[in-house]
Amino acid sequence: PYVIQPKIYSSKINLSIMWVLFGILAGSTLFGPWGMVIAM
């Protein structure tokens, strides 16, 4: 997650783990399991 994936993902869409986890938590709260999938 910290060496390989940042090289795979371009700088345009690189996101910090804080925002990713926040998105997953918000998505699951609002839309359930599918919210975790569409969060990113």
All heavy atoms as atom14 arrays in JSON, in Angstrom:
{
  "sequence": "PYVIQPKIYSSKINLSIMWVLFGILAGSTLFGPWGMVIAM",
  "atom14_mask": [
    [1, 1, 1, 1, 1, 1, 1, 0, 0, 0, 0, 0, 0, 0],
    [1, 1, 1, 1, 1, 1, 1, 1, 1, 1, 1, 1, 0, 0],
    [1, 1, 1, 1, 1, 1, 1, 0, 0, 0, 0, 0, 0, 0],
    [1, 1, 1, 1, 1, 1, 1, 1, 0, 0, 0, 0, 0, 0],
    [1, 1, 1, 1, 1, 1, 1, 1, 1, 0, 0, 0, 0, 0],
    [1, 1, 1, 1, 1, 1, 1, 0, 0, 0, 0, 0, 0, 0],
    [1, 1, 1, 1, 1, 1, 1, 1, 1, 0, 0, 0, 0, 0],
    [1, 1, 1, 1, 1, 1, 1, 1, 0, 0, 0, 0, 0, 0],
    [1, 1, 1, 1, 1, 1, 1, 1, 1, 1, 1, 1, 0, 0],
    [1, 1, 1, 1, 1, 1, 0, 0, 0, 0, 0, 0, 0, 0],
    [1, 1, 1, 1, 1, 1, 0, 0, 0, 0, 0, 0, 0, 0],
    [1, 1, 1, 1, 1, 1, 1, 1, 1, 0, 0, 0, 0, 0],
    [1, 1, 1, 1, 1, 1, 1, 1, 0, 0, 0, 0, 0, 0],
    [1, 1, 1, 1, 1, 1, 1, 1, 0, 0, 0, 0, 0, 0],
    [1, 1, 1, 1, 1, 1, 1, 1, 0, 0, 0, 0, 0, 0],
    [1, 1, 1, 1, 1, 1, 0, 0, 0, 0, 0, 0, 0, 0],
    [1, 1, 1, 1, 1, 1, 1, 1, 0, 0, 0, 0, 0, 0],
    [1, 1, 1, 1, 1, 1, 1, 1, 0, 0, 0, 0, 0, 0],
    [1, 1, 1, 1, 1, 1, 1, 1, 1, 1, 1, 1, 1, 1],
    [1, 1, 1, 1, 1, 1, 1, 0, 0, 0, 0, 0, 0, 0],
    [1, 1, 1, 1, 1, 1, 1, 1, 0, 0, 0, 0, 0, 0],
    [1, 1, 1, 1, 1, 1, 1, 1, 1, 1, 1, 0, 0, 0],
    [1, 1, 1, 1, 0, 0, 0, 0, 0, 0, 0, 0, 0, 0],
    [1, 1, 1, 1, 1, 1, 1, 1, 0, 0, 0, 0, 0, 0],
    [1, 1, 1, 1, 1, 1, 1, 1, 0, 0, 0, 0, 0, 0],
    [1, 1, 1, 1, 1, 0, 0, 0, 0, 0, 0, 0, 0, 0],
    [1, 1, 1, 1, 0, 0, 0, 0, 0, 0, 0, 0, 0, 0],
    [1, 1, 1, 1, 1, 1, 0, 0, 0, 0, 0, 0, 0, 0],
    [1, 1, 1, 1, 1, 1, 1, 0, 0, 0, 0, 0, 0, 0],
    [1, 1, 1, 1, 1, 1, 1, 1, 0, 0, 0, 0, 0, 0],
    [1, 1, 1, 1, 1, 1, 1, 1, 1, 1, 1, 0, 0, 0],
    [1, 1, 1, 1, 0, 0, 0, 0, 0, 0, 0, 0, 0, 0],
    [1, 1, 1, 1, 1, 1, 1, 0, 0, 0, 0, 0, 0, 0],
    [1, 1, 1, 1, 1, 1, 1, 1, 1, 1, 1, 1, 1, 1],
    [1, 1, 1, 1, 0, 0, 0, 0, 0, 0, 0, 0, 0, 0],
    [1, 1, 1, 1, 1, 1, 1, 1, 0, 0, 0, 0, 0, 0],
    [1, 1, 1, 1, 1, 1, 1, 0, 0, 0, 0, 0, 0, 0],
    [1, 1, 1, 1, 1, 1, 1, 1, 0, 0, 0, 0, 0, 0],
    [1, 1, 1, 1, 1, 0, 0, 0, 0, 0, 0, 0, 0, 0],
    [1, 1, 1, 1, 1, 1, 1, 1, 0, 0, 0, 0, 0, 0]
  ],
  "atom14_positions": [
    [[0.79, -1.24, 0.0], [0.0, 0.0, 0.0], [0.82, 1.28, 0.0], [0.33, 2.32, -0.45], [-0.84, -0.12, 1.28], [-0.05, -0.99, 2.17], [0.7, -1.94, 1.29], [0.0, 0.0, 0.0], [0.0, 0.0, 0.0], [0.0, 0.0, 0.0], [0.0, 0.0, 0.0], [0.0, 0.0, 0.0], [0.0, 0.0, 0.0], [0.0, 0.0, 0.0]],
    [[2.07, 1.23, 0.5], [2.83, 2.47, 0.65], [3.98, 2.61, -0.34], [4.55, 3.71, -0.47], [3.39, 2.56, 2.07], [2.31, 2.55, 3.12], [2.18, 1.47, 4.0], [1.41, 3.6, 3.22], [1.17, 1.46, 4.96], [0.4, 3.58, 4.18], [0.29, 2.52, 5.05], [-0.72, 2.49, 5.98], [0.0, 0.0, 0.0], [0.0, 0.0, 0.0]],
    [[4.35, 1.54, -1.05], [5.44, 1.61, -2.02], [4.96, 1.29, -3.43], [5.14, 2.08, -4.37], [6.59, 0.65, -1.63], [7.7, 0.71, -2.68], [7.15, 1.0, -0.26], [0.0, 0.0, 0.0], [0.0, 0.0, 0.0], [0.0, 0.0, 0.0], [0.0, 0.0, 0.0], [0.0, 0.0, 0.0], [0.0, 0.0, 0.0], [0.0, 0.0, 0.0]],
    [[4.29, 0.13, -3.58], [3.89, -0.32, -4.91], [2.67, 0.45, -5.42], [2.67, 0.99, -6.53], [3.61, -1.84, -4.91], [4.9, -2.6, -4.56], [3.07, -2.29, -6.26], [4.72, -4.1, -4.46], [0.0, 0.0, 0.0], [0.0, 0.0, 0.0], [0.0, 0.0, 0.0], [0.0, 0.0, 0.0], [0.0, 0.0, 0.0], [0.0, 0.0, 0.0]],
    [[1.6, 0.5, -4.61], [0.38, 1.14, -5.08], [0.52, 2.63, -5.38], [-0.04, 3.11, -6.37], [-0.75, 0.9, -4.07], [-1.26, -0.53, -4.1], [-2.46, -0.74, -3.21], [-2.83, 0.12, -2.41], [-3.09, -1.91, -3.34], [0.0, 0.0, 0.0], [0.0, 0.0, 0.0], [0.0, 0.0, 0.0], [0.0, 0.0, 0.0], [0.0, 0.0, 0.0]],
    [[1.29, 3.42, -4.58], [1.49, 4.82, -4.97], [2.16, 4.97, -6.33], [1.95, 5.97, -7.02], [2.38, 5.37, -3.85], [2.04, 4.54, -2.68], [1.81, 3.16, -3.24], [0.0, 0.0, 0.0], [0.0, 0.0, 0.0], [0.0, 0.0, 0.0], [0.0, 0.0, 0.0], [0.0, 0.0, 0.0], [0.0, 0.0, 0.0], [0.0, 0.0, 0.0]],
    [[2.99, 4.0, -6.72], [3.61, 4.05, -8.05], [2.61, 3.66, -9.14], [2.72, 4.11, -10.28], [4.83, 3.13, -8.09], [5.98, 3.57, -7.18], [7.18, 2.66, -7.32], [8.31, 3.11, -6.39], [8.81, 4.46, -6.72], [0.0, 0.0, 0.0], [0.0, 0.0, 0.0], [0.0, 0.0, 0.0], [0.0, 0.0, 0.0], [0.0, 0.0, 0.0]],
    [[1.66, 2.78, -8.78], [0.64, 2.37, -9.75], [-0.34, 3.51, -9.98], [-0.67, 3.85, -11.12], [-0.11, 1.11, -9.25], [0.87, -0.08, -9.17], [-1.26, 0.77, -10.18], [0.25, -1.32, -8.55], [0.0, 0.0, 0.0], [0.0, 0.0, 0.0], [0.0, 0.0, 0.0], [0.0, 0.0, 0.0], [0.0, 0.0, 0.0], [0.0, 0.0, 0.0]],
    [[-0.8, 4.11, -8.89], [-1.75, 5.21, -9.0], [-1.0, 6.48, -9.38], [0.05, 6.79, -8.82], [-2.5, 5.44, -7.69], [-3.52, 4.38, -7.38], [-3.16, 3.17, -6.79], [-4.85, 4.58, -7.67], [-4.09, 2.19, -6.51], [-5.81, 3.61, -7.39], [-5.41, 2.42, -6.8], [-6.35, 1.45, -6.52], [0.0, 0.0, 0.0], [0.0, 0.0, 0.0]],
    [[-1.54, 7.2, -10.32], [-0.9, 8.44, -10.76], [-1.04, 9.51, -9.7], [-1.86, 9.41, -8.78], [-1.53, 8.93, -12.07], [-2.86, 9.36, -11.84], [0.0, 0.0, 0.0], [0.0, 0.0, 0.0], [0.0, 0.0, 0.0], [0.0, 0.0, 0.0], [0.0, 0.0, 0.0], [0.0, 0.0, 0.0], [0.0, 0.0, 0.0], [0.0, 0.0, 0.0]],
    [[-0.24, 10.56, -9.83], [-0.28, 11.64, -8.86], [-1.63, 12.36, -8.87], [-2.03, 13.0, -7.91], [0.84, 12.64, -9.14], [0.71, 13.16, -10.46], [0.0, 0.0, 0.0], [0.0, 0.0, 0.0], [0.0, 0.0, 0.0], [0.0, 0.0, 0.0], [0.0, 0.0, 0.0], [0.0, 0.0, 0.0], [0.0, 0.0, 0.0], [0.0, 0.0, 0.0]],
    [[-2.36, 12.25, -10.0], [-3.65, 12.94, -10.1], [-4.68, 12.35, -9.14], [-5.57, 13.05, -8.67], [-4.18, 12.84, -11.53], [-3.4, 13.64, -12.54], [-4.05, 13.55, -13.9], [-3.3, 14.36, -14.94], [-3.92, 14.27, -16.28], [0.0, 0.0, 0.0], [0.0, 0.0, 0.0], [0.0, 0.0, 0.0], [0.0, 0.0, 0.0], [0.0, 0.0, 0.0]],
    [[-4.6, 11.07, -8.88], [-5.63, 10.44, -8.06], [-5.07, 9.85, -6.77], [-5.76, 9.12, -6.08], [-6.35, 9.32, -8.85], [-5.35, 8.27, -9.34], [-7.11, 9.9, -10.01], [-5.99, 7.1, -10.02], [0.0, 0.0, 0.0], [0.0, 0.0, 0.0], [0.0, 0.0, 0.0], [0.0, 0.0, 0.0], [0.0, 0.0, 0.0], [0.0, 0.0, 0.0]],
    [[-3.8, 10.19, -6.46], [-3.22, 9.67, -5.24], [-3.88, 10.33, -4.03], [-3.97, 11.55, -3.95], [-1.71, 9.94, -5.22], [-1.03, 9.24, -4.06], [-1.48, 8.19, -3.61], [0.04, 9.81, -3.58], [0.0, 0.0, 0.0], [0.0, 0.0, 0.0], [0.0, 0.0, 0.0], [0.0, 0.0, 0.0], [0.0, 0.0, 0.0], [0.0, 0.0, 0.0]],
    [[-4.37, 9.53, -3.1], [-5.1, 10.04, -1.94], [-4.46, 9.53, -0.66], [-3.97, 8.41, -0.61], [-6.57, 9.6, -2.0], [-7.41, 10.17, -3.14], [-8.71, 9.39, -3.26], [-7.71, 11.63, -2.92], [0.0, 0.0, 0.0], [0.0, 0.0, 0.0], [0.0, 0.0, 0.0], [0.0, 0.0, 0.0], [0.0, 0.0, 0.0], [0.0, 0.0, 0.0]],
    [[-4.49, 10.36, 0.37], [-3.95, 9.95, 1.65], [-4.86, 8.92, 2.29], [-6.06, 8.86, 2.01], [-3.81, 11.16, 2.59], [-5.09, 11.67, 2.92], [0.0, 0.0, 0.0], [0.0, 0.0, 0.0], [0.0, 0.0, 0.0], [0.0, 0.0, 0.0], [0.0, 0.0, 0.0], [0.0, 0.0, 0.0], [0.0, 0.0, 0.0], [0.0, 0.0, 0.0]],
    [[-4.28, 8.11, 3.17], [-5.06, 7.05, 3.83], [-6.18, 7.65, 4.68], [-7.25, 7.04, 4.83], [-4.12, 6.18, 4.71], [-4.92, 5.02, 5.32], [-3.45, 7.0, 5.78], [-4.05, 4.03, 6.06], [0.0, 0.0, 0.0], [0.0, 0.0, 0.0], [0.0, 0.0, 0.0], [0.0, 0.0, 0.0], [0.0, 0.0, 0.0], [0.0, 0.0, 0.0]],
    [[-5.98, 8.87, 5.21], [-7.02, 9.49, 6.03], [-8.29, 9.72, 5.21], [-9.4, 9.39, 5.66], [-6.52, 10.83, 6.57], [-7.54, 11.54, 7.45], [-7.05, 13.22, 7.91], [-7.24, 14.06, 6.32], [0.0, 0.0, 0.0], [0.0, 0.0, 0.0], [0.0, 0.0, 0.0], [0.0, 0.0, 0.0], [0.0, 0.0, 0.0], [0.0, 0.0, 0.0]],
    [[-8.14, 10.25, 3.99], [-9.3, 10.52, 3.15], [-9.95, 9.22, 2.66], [-11.16, 9.13, 2.52], [-8.91, 11.39, 1.96], [-8.71, 12.81, 2.36], [-7.52, 13.5, 2.41], [-9.71, 13.74, 2.79], [-7.73, 14.79, 2.84], [-9.06, 14.96, 3.08], [-11.1, 13.65, 2.96], [-9.75, 16.09, 3.52], [-11.78, 14.77, 3.4], [-11.12, 15.97, 3.68]],
    [[-9.11, 8.22, 2.38], [-9.65, 6.93, 1.93], [-10.5, 6.3, 3.03], [-11.63, 5.86, 2.79], [-8.51, 5.98, 1.52], [-9.05, 4.59, 1.23], [-7.79, 6.52, 0.28], [0.0, 0.0, 0.0], [0.0, 0.0, 0.0], [0.0, 0.0, 0.0], [0.0, 0.0, 0.0], [0.0, 0.0, 0.0], [0.0, 0.0, 0.0], [0.0, 0.0, 0.0]],
    [[-9.97, 6.26, 4.25], [-10.71, 5.66, 5.36], [-11.96, 6.48, 5.69], [-13.02, 5.92, 6.02], [-9.81, 5.55, 6.59], [-8.64, 4.58, 6.46], [-7.79, 4.6, 7.73], [-9.12, 3.17, 6.17], [0.0, 0.0, 0.0], [0.0, 0.0, 0.0], [0.0, 0.0, 0.0], [0.0, 0.0, 0.0], [0.0, 0.0, 0.0], [0.0, 0.0, 0.0]],
    [[-11.86, 7.81, 5.6], [-13.03, 8.65, 5.83], [-14.11, 8.36, 4.79], [-15.3, 8.27, 5.12], [-12.63, 10.13, 5.76], [-13.82, 11.06, 5.77], [-14.5, 11.33, 6.95], [-14.25, 11.65, 4.59], [-15.59, 12.18, 6.95], [-15.35, 12.5, 4.59], [-16.02, 12.77, 5.77], [0.0, 0.0, 0.0], [0.0, 0.0, 0.0], [0.0, 0.0, 0.0]],
    [[-13.69, 8.21, 3.52], [-14.65, 7.91, 2.45], [-15.32, 6.57, 2.65], [-16.54, 6.43, 2.44], [0.0, 0.0, 0.0], [0.0, 0.0, 0.0], [0.0, 0.0, 0.0], [0.0, 0.0, 0.0], [0.0, 0.0, 0.0], [0.0, 0.0, 0.0], [0.0, 0.0, 0.0], [0.0, 0.0, 0.0], [0.0, 0.0, 0.0], [0.0, 0.0, 0.0]],
    [[-14.54, 5.57, 3.06], [-15.11, 4.24, 3.3], [-16.11, 4.28, 4.45], [-17.21, 3.71, 4.36], [-13.98, 3.23, 3.61], [-13.12, 3.01, 2.35], [-14.55, 1.9, 4.07], [-11.87, 2.21, 2.62], [0.0, 0.0, 0.0], [0.0, 0.0, 0.0], [0.0, 0.0, 0.0], [0.0, 0.0, 0.0], [0.0, 0.0, 0.0], [0.0, 0.0, 0.0]],
    [[-15.75, 4.98, 5.53], [-16.64, 5.08, 6.69], [-17.92, 5.83, 6.33], [-19.03, 5.39, 6.66], [-15.93, 5.79, 7.84], [-16.73, 6.0, 9.13], [-17.15, 4.66, 9.71], [-15.92, 6.8, 10.15], [0.0, 0.0, 0.0], [0.0, 0.0, 0.0], [0.0, 0.0, 0.0], [0.0, 0.0, 0.0], [0.0, 0.0, 0.0], [0.0, 0.0, 0.0]],
    [[-17.77, 6.95, 5.61], [-18.95, 7.74, 5.21], [-19.83, 6.96, 4.25], [-21.06, 6.96, 4.35], [-18.5, 9.06, 4.58], [0.0, 0.0, 0.0], [0.0, 0.0, 0.0], [0.0, 0.0, 0.0], [0.0, 0.0, 0.0], [0.0, 0.0, 0.0], [0.0, 0.0, 0.0], [0.0, 0.0, 0.0], [0.0, 0.0, 0.0], [0.0, 0.0, 0.0]],
    [[-19.19, 6.27, 3.29], [-19.95, 5.48, 2.32], [-20.73, 4.35, 2.96], [-21.9, 4.12, 2.64], [0.0, 0.0, 0.0], [0.0, 0.0, 0.0], [0.0, 0.0, 0.0], [0.0, 0.0, 0.0], [0.0, 0.0, 0.0], [0.0, 0.0, 0.0], [0.0, 0.0, 0.0], [0.0, 0.0, 0.0], [0.0, 0.0, 0.0], [0.0, 0.0, 0.0]],
    [[-20.09, 3.66, 3.9], [-20.78, 2.55, 4.58], [-21.91, 3.06, 5.45], [-22.95, 2.41, 5.58], [-19.78, 1.76, 5.42], [-19.24, 2.57, 6.46], [0.0, 0.0, 0.0], [0.0, 0.0, 0.0], [0.0, 0.0, 0.0], [0.0, 0.0, 0.0], [0.0, 0.0, 0.0], [0.0, 0.0, 0.0], [0.0, 0.0, 0.0], [0.0, 0.0, 0.0]],
    [[-21.74, 4.23, 6.06], [-22.78, 4.8, 6.91], [-24.0, 5.23, 6.1], [-25.14, 5.01, 6.5], [-22.23, 6.01, 7.69], [-21.1, 5.6, 8.47], [-23.3, 6.58, 8.62], [0.0, 0.0, 0.0], [0.0, 0.0, 0.0], [0.0, 0.0, 0.0], [0.0, 0.0, 0.0], [0.0, 0.0, 0.0], [0.0, 0.0, 0.0], [0.0, 0.0, 0.0]],
    [[-23.74, 5.83, 4.94], [-24.83, 6.37, 4.13], [-25.49, 5.32, 3.25], [-26.72, 5.31, 3.09], [-24.3, 7.52, 3.25], [-23.82, 8.76, 3.99], [-23.19, 9.75, 3.02], [-24.98, 9.43, 4.73], [0.0, 0.0, 0.0], [0.0, 0.0, 0.0], [0.0, 0.0, 0.0], [0.0, 0.0, 0.0], [0.0, 0.0, 0.0], [0.0, 0.0, 0.0]],
    [[-24.67, 4.42, 2.66], [-25.21, 3.51, 1.65], [-24.96, 2.04, 1.95], [-25.2, 1.19, 1.08], [-24.61, 3.85, 0.27], [-24.8, 5.29, -0.12], [-23.73, 6.16, -0.13], [-26.06, 5.77, -0.46], [-23.89, 7.49, -0.48], [-26.23, 7.09, -0.82], [-25.15, 7.96, -0.83], [0.0, 0.0, 0.0], [0.0, 0.0, 0.0], [0.0, 0.0, 0.0]],
    [[-24.43, 1.72, 3.13], [-24.21, 0.32, 3.48], [-23.0, -0.27, 2.76], [-22.06, 0.46, 2.4], [0.0, 0.0, 0.0], [0.0, 0.0, 0.0], [0.0, 0.0, 0.0], [0.0, 0.0, 0.0], [0.0, 0.0, 0.0], [0.0, 0.0, 0.0], [0.0, 0.0, 0.0], [0.0, 0.0, 0.0], [0.0, 0.0, 0.0], [0.0, 0.0, 0.0]],
    [[-23.0, -1.59, 2.52], [-21.84, -2.25, 1.89], [-21.48, -1.67, 0.53], [-20.3, -1.53, 0.2], [-22.3, -3.71, 1.76], [-23.34, -3.88, 2.82], [-24.04, -2.55, 2.92], [0.0, 0.0, 0.0], [0.0, 0.0, 0.0], [0.0, 0.0, 0.0], [0.0, 0.0, 0.0], [0.0, 0.0, 0.0], [0.0, 0.0, 0.0], [0.0, 0.0, 0.0]],
    [[-22.5, -1.33, -0.29], [-22.2, -0.76, -1.6], [-21.54, 0.61, -1.48], [-20.77, 1.02, -2.36], [-23.48, -0.65, -2.44], [-23.9, -1.96, -3.02], [-24.98, -2.7, -2.66], [-23.25, -2.69, -4.06], [-25.04, -3.86, -3.41], [-23.99, -3.88, -4.27], [-22.09, -2.47, -4.82], [-23.62, -4.84, -5.21], [-21.73, -3.42, -5.76], [-22.49, -4.59, -5.95]],
    [[-21.81, 1.32, -0.39], [-21.16, 2.6, -0.18], [-19.66, 2.48, -0.01], [-18.9, 3.36, -0.42], [0.0, 0.0, 0.0], [0.0, 0.0, 0.0], [0.0, 0.0, 0.0], [0.0, 0.0, 0.0], [0.0, 0.0, 0.0], [0.0, 0.0, 0.0], [0.0, 0.0, 0.0], [0.0, 0.0, 0.0], [0.0, 0.0, 0.0], [0.0, 0.0, 0.0]],
    [[-19.21, 1.36, 0.6], [-17.78, 1.12, 0.74], [-17.14, 0.85, -0.62], [-15.97, 1.19, -0.84], [-17.55, -0.07, 1.68], [-18.15, 0.12, 3.07], [-17.97, -1.34, 4.13], [-16.22, -1.3, 4.48], [0.0, 0.0, 0.0], [0.0, 0.0, 0.0], [0.0, 0.0, 0.0], [0.0, 0.0, 0.0], [0.0, 0.0, 0.0], [0.0, 0.0, 0.0]],
    [[-17.9, 0.26, -1.53], [-17.38, -0.06, -2.86], [-17.23, 1.2, -3.72], [-16.23, 1.39, -4.42], [-18.29, -1.08, -3.56], [-17.82, -1.33, -5.0], [-18.3, -2.4, -2.78], [0.0, 0.0, 0.0], [0.0, 0.0, 0.0], [0.0, 0.0, 0.0], [0.0, 0.0, 0.0], [0.0, 0.0, 0.0], [0.0, 0.0, 0.0], [0.0, 0.0, 0.0]],
    [[-18.26, 2.07, -3.65], [-18.24, 3.27, -4.5], [-17.51, 4.44, -3.85], [-17.4, 5.52, -4.45], [-19.67, 3.71, -4.87], [-20.44, 4.16, -3.62], [-20.42, 2.6, -5.59], [-21.8, 4.74, -3.9], [0.0, 0.0, 0.0], [0.0, 0.0, 0.0], [0.0, 0.0, 0.0], [0.0, 0.0, 0.0], [0.0, 0.0, 0.0], [0.0, 0.0, 0.0]],
    [[-16.99, 4.25, -2.63], [-16.34, 5.35, -1.91], [-15.17, 5.92, -2.7], [-15.05, 7.14, -2.88], [-15.89, 4.88, -0.53], [0.0, 0.0, 0.0], [0.0, 0.0, 0.0], [0.0, 0.0, 0.0], [0.0, 0.0, 0.0], [0.0, 0.0, 0.0], [0.0, 0.0, 0.0], [0.0, 0.0, 0.0], [0.0, 0.0, 0.0], [0.0, 0.0, 0.0]],
    [[-14.26, 5.05, -3.17], [-13.06, 5.52, -3.87], [-13.39, 6.29, -5.15], [-12.86, 7.39, -5.36], [-12.12, 4.36, -4.15], [-11.21, 4.0, -2.99], [-10.09, 5.35, -2.54], [-9.01, 5.36, -3.97], [0.0, 0.0, 0.0], [0.0, 0.0, 0.0], [0.0, 0.0, 0.0], [0.0, 0.0, 0.0], [0.0, 0.0, 0.0], [0.0, 0.0, 0.0]]
  ]
}
